[in-house]
Amino acid sequence: GLPAQKTMPDMLVRYKAGKTTFEVLTKEGAAMKFRDGDLKSLDDVCVAREVFSNYSKGERASADQLKSAFDTEDLSACLEAILQKGTVQVSAAERKEKLEKKRLEIIQLLHKYYVEPKTRKPIPVTRLENALTEAKVRIDAEQAAERQVPDIVSKLVSLLPMKKLSMEVTIT
């Protein structure tokens, strides 16, 4: 059976071919390391060398399903294809953490590059955080913080006047 204690949450990598869904249970974070070439062995990535058609129901993919989707019944080749092309199912906790990191990154950028127009002083971080919450700004965890800032500023400016810091160069 399965080990009683689980140290890290396992993650599913899901791949659809036609009407069939293939799922592989991987160790947390391992699928990405495999894609980046940091992990080579399937045993380091997969919890078990099995391909499921529905993991939660415990249904394994048949040899026929594998053959029609991957032109081979070779399990290792099928596992590799799923790991490379499939979507890694991210846990809610990871999504939340990623979003929180991005939010902090955006707040730091705003704090660093935007000032209060009248005083020309940096806007306190707490005020930026509150304005983001109040304006119900949607932050995209996947998109670069720098790319989101201009749009976010346009949403915040009515609540919190701000001006981009202009680099003033004095020639002497």
Protein backbone atom coordinates (compact mmCIF):
# COMPACT_ATOMS: atom_id res chain seq x y z
CA GLY A 1 0.00 0.00 0.00
CA LEU A 2 0.87 3.66 0.19
CA PRO A 3 3.17 4.95 2.91
CA ALA A 4 1.21 6.14 5.93
CA GLN A 5 3.07 9.41 6.34
CA LYS A 6 3.32 11.88 3.52
CA THR A 7 6.09 14.41 3.74
CA MET A 8 5.25 16.51 0.69
CA PRO A 9 2.05 16.81 -1.31
CA ASP A 10 2.21 14.96 -4.59
CA MET A 11 1.23 16.70 -7.77
CA LEU A 12 -0.60 15.49 -10.81
CA VAL A 13 0.61 16.21 -14.29
CA ARG A 14 -2.35 16.01 -16.64
CA TYR A 15 -2.21 15.57 -20.40
CA LYS A 16 -5.15 15.29 -22.79
CA ALA A 17 -4.89 13.41 -26.04
CA GLY A 18 -8.18 13.35 -27.92
CA LYS A 19 -10.84 12.26 -25.45
CA THR A 20 -8.42 10.53 -23.12
CA THR A 21 -6.84 12.21 -20.14
CA PHE A 22 -3.55 10.86 -18.87
CA GLU A 23 -2.39 11.61 -15.36
CA VAL A 24 0.96 10.98 -13.71
CA LEU A 25 1.52 11.44 -10.00
CA THR A 26 4.74 13.32 -9.39
CA LYS A 27 6.68 14.45 -6.36
CA GLU A 28 6.07 18.10 -5.54
CA GLY A 29 8.08 20.44 -7.75
CA ALA A 30 9.75 17.54 -9.56
CA ALA A 31 7.92 17.91 -12.89
CA MET A 32 9.32 21.41 -13.41
CA LYS A 33 12.83 20.29 -12.46
CA PHE A 34 12.48 17.44 -14.97
CA ARG A 35 11.47 19.91 -17.70
CA ASP A 36 14.37 22.17 -16.84
CA GLY A 37 16.73 19.20 -17.09
CA ASP A 38 17.66 19.29 -13.39
CA LEU A 39 16.13 15.86 -12.79
CA LYS A 40 16.87 13.09 -15.27
CA SER A 41 15.50 9.92 -13.69
CA LEU A 42 11.78 9.20 -13.88
CA ASP A 43 12.07 7.58 -10.46
CA ASP A 44 13.09 10.94 -9.00
CA VAL A 45 10.05 12.59 -10.55
CA CYS A 46 7.23 10.06 -10.45
CA VAL A 47 5.71 8.72 -7.26
CA ALA A 48 5.03 5.50 -9.17
CA ARG A 49 5.74 4.46 -12.74
CA GLU A 50 2.09 4.44 -13.63
CA VAL A 51 -0.11 6.38 -16.00
CA PHE A 52 -3.68 6.93 -14.89
CA SER A 53 -6.71 7.85 -16.93
CA ASN A 54 -8.30 9.08 -13.69
CA TYR A 55 -6.02 9.16 -10.68
CA SER A 56 -8.67 10.06 -8.11
CA LYS A 57 -10.68 6.97 -9.07
CA GLY A 58 -7.53 4.86 -9.32
CA GLU A 59 -8.16 4.09 -13.01
CA ARG A 60 -5.01 3.23 -14.93
CA ALA A 61 -4.57 4.03 -18.60
CA SER A 62 -4.63 0.91 -20.79
CA ALA A 63 -1.82 -0.12 -23.14
CA ASP A 64 -4.20 0.60 -26.05
CA GLN A 65 -4.89 4.13 -24.81
CA LEU A 66 -1.16 4.77 -24.43
CA LYS A 67 -0.41 3.34 -27.86
CA SER A 68 -3.06 5.43 -29.60
CA ALA A 69 -1.93 8.63 -27.89
CA PHE A 70 1.85 8.20 -27.92
CA ASP A 71 2.45 5.64 -30.71
CA THR A 72 4.17 3.40 -28.17
CA GLU A 73 3.36 1.22 -25.19
CA ASP A 74 6.77 1.90 -23.68
CA LEU A 75 5.88 3.24 -20.26
CA SER A 76 9.01 5.36 -19.84
CA ALA A 77 8.46 7.07 -23.20
CA CYS A 78 4.80 7.74 -22.32
CA LEU A 79 5.71 9.09 -18.87
CA GLU A 80 8.31 11.41 -20.39
CA ALA A 81 5.87 12.71 -23.00
CA ILE A 82 3.24 13.43 -20.32
CA LEU A 83 5.79 15.15 -18.07
CA GLN A 84 7.04 17.33 -20.95
CA LYS A 85 3.69 18.27 -22.50
CA GLY A 86 1.23 17.96 -19.64
CA THR A 87 -0.08 20.63 -17.32
CA VAL A 88 1.20 20.56 -13.79
CA GLN A 89 -1.71 20.86 -11.38
CA VAL A 90 -0.69 23.47 -8.85
CA SER A 91 -2.05 23.24 -5.34
CA ALA A 92 -4.21 26.05 -3.96
CA ALA A 93 -1.58 26.84 -1.35
CA GLU A 94 1.10 27.23 -4.02
CA ARG A 95 -1.14 29.45 -6.14
CA LYS A 96 -1.87 31.63 -3.10
CA GLU A 97 1.82 31.87 -2.21
CA LYS A 98 2.77 32.78 -5.78
CA LEU A 99 0.08 35.47 -5.88
CA GLU A 100 1.19 36.90 -2.52
CA LYS A 101 4.82 37.09 -3.72
CA LYS A 102 3.72 38.89 -6.89
CA ARG A 103 1.59 41.32 -4.86
CA LEU A 104 4.56 42.17 -2.63
CA GLU A 105 6.78 42.60 -5.69
CA ILE A 106 4.27 45.05 -7.21
CA ILE A 107 4.00 46.99 -3.93
CA GLN A 108 7.79 47.26 -3.80
CA LEU A 109 7.91 48.60 -7.36
CA LEU A 110 5.19 51.15 -6.62
CA HIS A 111 6.97 52.21 -3.44
CA LYS A 112 10.28 52.57 -5.25
CA TYR A 113 9.19 54.34 -8.44
CA TYR A 114 6.07 56.34 -7.52
CA VAL A 115 5.72 59.36 -5.24
CA GLU A 116 2.95 61.54 -3.85
CA PRO A 117 2.61 64.34 -6.43
CA LYS A 118 2.46 67.20 -3.87
CA THR A 119 5.21 66.18 -1.47
CA ARG A 120 7.27 64.12 -3.94
CA LYS A 121 7.79 61.66 -1.09
CA PRO A 122 7.55 57.87 -1.47
CA ILE A 123 4.12 56.43 -0.72
CA PRO A 124 4.13 54.32 2.46
CA VAL A 125 3.88 50.57 1.80
CA THR A 126 0.83 50.24 4.09
CA ARG A 127 -1.05 52.88 2.09
CA LEU A 128 -0.20 51.07 -1.14
CA GLU A 129 -1.39 47.74 0.31
CA ASN A 130 -4.66 49.30 1.48
CA ALA A 131 -5.25 51.01 -1.87
CA LEU A 132 -4.69 47.71 -3.74
CA THR A 133 -7.24 46.00 -1.49
CA GLU A 134 -9.73 48.87 -1.67
CA ALA A 135 -9.53 49.13 -5.47
CA LYS A 136 -9.96 45.33 -5.68
CA VAL A 137 -7.01 45.15 -8.07
CA ARG A 138 -6.61 41.73 -9.68
CA ILE A 139 -3.00 40.63 -9.74
CA ASP A 140 -1.86 38.05 -12.27
CA ALA A 141 0.55 35.61 -10.62
CA GLU A 142 1.97 34.57 -14.00
CA GLN A 143 2.64 37.98 -15.54
CA ALA A 144 5.78 40.00 -14.77
CA ALA A 145 5.21 42.59 -12.02
CA GLU A 146 6.75 45.36 -14.17
CA ARG A 147 4.17 44.73 -16.90
CA GLN A 148 1.26 44.98 -14.45
CA VAL A 149 2.31 48.19 -12.70
CA PRO A 150 1.08 50.76 -15.32
CA ASP A 151 -2.38 49.19 -15.38
CA ILE A 152 -2.49 48.99 -11.58
CA VAL A 153 -1.42 52.64 -11.24
CA SER A 154 -4.29 53.71 -13.50
CA LYS A 155 -6.70 51.88 -11.15
CA LEU A 156 -5.16 53.28 -7.97
CA VAL A 157 -4.62 56.89 -8.95
CA SER A 158 -8.21 57.93 -8.10
CA LEU A 159 -7.84 56.53 -4.56
CA LEU A 160 -4.22 57.38 -4.07
CA PRO A 161 -2.68 60.16 -6.13
CA MET A 162 0.73 59.06 -7.39
CA LYS A 163 3.23 60.15 -9.91
CA LYS A 164 6.03 58.20 -11.49
CA LEU A 165 9.38 59.34 -10.22
CA SER A 166 11.19 61.10 -13.00
CA MET A 167 14.91 60.81 -13.01
CA GLU A 168 16.17 64.35 -12.88
CA VAL A 169 19.65 64.77 -14.18
CA THR A 170 21.56 67.86 -13.25
CA ILE A 171 24.37 68.76 -15.57
CA THR A 172 27.11 70.68 -13.84
